[in-house]
Structures are given as C-alpha cells and as structure tokens.
Amino acid sequence: MAKFLADENIARKLVVALKKAGAEVTWVPNTKYRSASDKTLIGIANANGMFILTKDRDFIEPGNRRIITTGVVYLAMDMPEDSIAELAGAIAVHAKSLQGKVVIMASQHTLIEELHFPNL
C-alpha cells in the first residue's frame, strides 16, 4: 500500500479520496507538524517511506529533490470537484511504480521525471 504525506495545501477532499482508494495518508494539518519547514516534512517522509503530496513548488526544486528518498507528487493545478476521486484513484494505483520519481500534474498533462538528476 502506498503511503503519502499530504502537505497542508492539499484539500481535505483529496486526502479522504486517497484513503478511500486504499492509500495510507498522513495529512500535515492533523499532525503536530503544521507550519513545519519543508526540510522537516522531507525528513518525516523519508523516515516513513512516504511520498510527498503537495502544491508547493519548493519540493520539486533541485535542492529538495536531492534529499527526498521516496518521491513527490506535485499538483500544479486546482482540481475540479468532480475529478478528485479519479485523481486519487490514479495516484493510489500508480504510486508504487513512481518510486524515485517526481510527478508534476498540470491541467493538460502529467510529467514524470527522475527524482535525482544524474551528476554531470
């Protein structure tokens, strides 16, 4: 089962939908880590084998990508209400195959990249 650390900027409806789709989700607002730094959240996700689910672009910046060990799902758009269940199902089903990846989901496309860039 895929495990996620859902950032504070993720809507409660998506968290609930992910849980219904079978994912294990820890939502930051329900923890003592509300308003914690990105580095703190990365540490929690790494220690617990969780993917980070966020709308915060900072998590896909190179400095943070270097220290994330599981993966990031970055939502670069707002989800229409009628698409939340479908999105949650897709994330939950494909999460295991996204180990070590960054998934950038935008309104018209999804981009999947390696989490760590090769050293050049």
Protein backbone atom coordinates (compact mmCIF):
# COMPACT_ATOMS: atom_id res chain seq x y z
CA MET A 1 0.00 0.00 0.00
CA ALA A 2 1.32 3.43 -0.94
CA LYS A 3 1.97 5.90 1.86
CA PHE A 4 1.69 9.65 1.46
CA LEU A 5 2.50 12.72 3.50
CA ALA A 6 -0.07 15.26 2.27
CA ASP A 7 1.10 18.83 2.73
CA GLU A 8 -1.15 21.47 4.32
CA ASN A 9 -2.01 22.86 0.90
CA ILE A 10 -3.73 19.62 -0.16
CA ALA A 11 -7.52 19.72 0.11
CA ARG A 12 -9.16 17.52 2.71
CA LYS A 13 -11.40 16.06 -0.03
CA LEU A 14 -8.36 14.71 -1.86
CA VAL A 15 -6.96 13.22 1.35
CA VAL A 16 -10.27 11.47 2.02
CA ALA A 17 -10.49 10.27 -1.60
CA LEU A 18 -6.94 8.85 -1.44
CA LYS A 19 -7.81 6.93 1.71
CA LYS A 20 -10.94 5.55 0.04
CA ALA A 21 -8.74 4.48 -2.89
CA GLY A 22 -6.63 2.42 -0.47
CA ALA A 23 -3.68 4.72 0.21
CA GLU A 24 -2.31 5.41 3.66
CA VAL A 25 -2.29 9.19 4.06
CA THR A 26 -0.97 11.40 6.83
CA TRP A 27 -2.32 14.92 6.38
CA VAL A 28 0.03 17.53 7.86
CA PRO A 29 -2.80 19.67 9.38
CA ASN A 30 -3.76 16.65 11.52
CA THR A 31 -0.25 16.37 12.98
CA LYS A 32 1.97 18.43 15.22
CA TYR A 33 3.94 19.44 12.11
CA ARG A 34 1.55 22.12 10.86
CA SER A 35 3.68 25.05 9.58
CA ALA A 36 6.83 22.91 9.72
CA SER A 37 9.66 23.64 7.33
CA ASP A 38 9.98 21.78 4.05
CA LYS A 39 13.13 20.10 5.36
CA THR A 40 11.23 18.80 8.42
CA LEU A 41 8.46 17.38 6.23
CA ILE A 42 11.04 15.78 3.93
CA GLY A 43 12.67 14.16 6.96
CA ILE A 44 9.33 12.74 8.11
CA ALA A 45 8.51 11.43 4.63
CA ASN A 46 11.97 9.86 4.24
CA ALA A 47 11.89 8.23 7.66
CA ASN A 48 8.46 6.68 6.99
CA GLY A 49 8.79 5.76 3.31
CA MET A 50 6.12 8.26 2.28
CA PHE A 51 5.59 10.06 -0.99
CA ILE A 52 5.15 13.81 -0.55
CA LEU A 53 1.88 15.10 -1.99
CA THR A 54 1.96 18.88 -2.36
CA LYS A 55 1.05 22.02 -4.26
CA ASP A 56 4.27 23.69 -3.04
CA ARG A 57 6.74 24.08 -5.89
CA ASP A 58 9.66 24.19 -3.42
CA PHE A 59 9.51 20.40 -3.10
CA ILE A 60 10.42 19.92 -6.76
CA GLU A 61 13.35 22.33 -6.71
CA PRO A 62 16.78 20.68 -7.14
CA GLY A 63 17.95 21.31 -3.56
CA ASN A 64 14.98 19.47 -2.07
CA ARG A 65 14.90 16.77 -4.74
CA ARG A 66 18.43 15.76 -3.74
CA ILE A 67 17.33 14.87 -0.21
CA ILE A 68 13.93 13.26 -0.89
CA THR A 69 14.20 9.47 -1.00
CA THR A 70 10.73 8.23 -1.95
CA GLY A 71 9.07 10.59 -4.42
CA VAL A 72 6.95 13.70 -4.90
CA VAL A 73 3.53 14.21 -6.45
CA TYR A 74 3.24 17.92 -7.22
CA LEU A 75 -0.19 19.23 -8.14
CA ALA A 76 0.36 22.28 -10.33
CA MET A 77 -3.35 22.96 -10.67
CA ASP A 78 -6.59 23.14 -8.75
CA MET A 79 -8.74 20.06 -9.11
CA PRO A 80 -12.36 20.36 -10.16
CA GLU A 81 -14.62 18.73 -7.55
CA ASP A 82 -15.81 16.07 -9.99
CA SER A 83 -12.23 14.94 -10.76
CA ILE A 84 -10.94 14.41 -7.21
CA ALA A 85 -11.95 10.74 -6.90
CA GLU A 86 -10.47 9.92 -10.31
CA LEU A 87 -7.21 11.71 -9.46
CA ALA A 88 -6.99 9.96 -6.08
CA GLY A 89 -7.52 6.56 -7.69
CA ALA A 90 -4.82 7.18 -10.29
CA ILE A 91 -2.33 8.37 -7.67
CA ALA A 92 -3.02 5.43 -5.34
CA VAL A 93 -2.84 2.80 -8.10
CA HIS A 94 0.37 4.06 -9.70
CA ALA A 95 2.28 5.22 -6.62
CA LYS A 96 4.46 2.13 -6.25
CA SER A 97 5.71 2.47 -9.83
CA LEU A 98 6.65 6.08 -9.13
CA GLN A 99 9.31 5.29 -6.52
CA GLY A 100 12.19 7.72 -7.01
CA LYS A 101 10.19 9.96 -9.32
CA VAL A 102 8.72 13.44 -9.37
CA VAL A 103 5.22 13.58 -10.81
CA ILE A 104 4.08 17.02 -11.92
CA MET A 105 0.35 17.06 -12.61
CA ALA A 106 -0.97 20.05 -14.56
CA SER A 107 -4.38 20.68 -16.08
CA GLN A 108 -3.47 19.41 -19.56
CA HIS A 109 -0.64 16.98 -18.91
CA THR A 110 1.37 14.95 -16.43
CA LEU A 111 5.17 14.94 -16.41
CA ILE A 112 7.16 12.18 -14.70
CA GLU A 113 10.87 12.75 -14.07
CA GLU A 114 13.62 11.05 -12.12
CA LEU A 115 13.76 12.43 -8.58
CA HIS A 116 17.53 12.85 -8.69
CA PHE A 117 19.29 14.29 -11.69
CA PRO A 118 22.45 12.45 -12.71
CA ASN A 119 25.62 14.28 -11.76
CA LEU A 120 27.12 15.83 -14.86
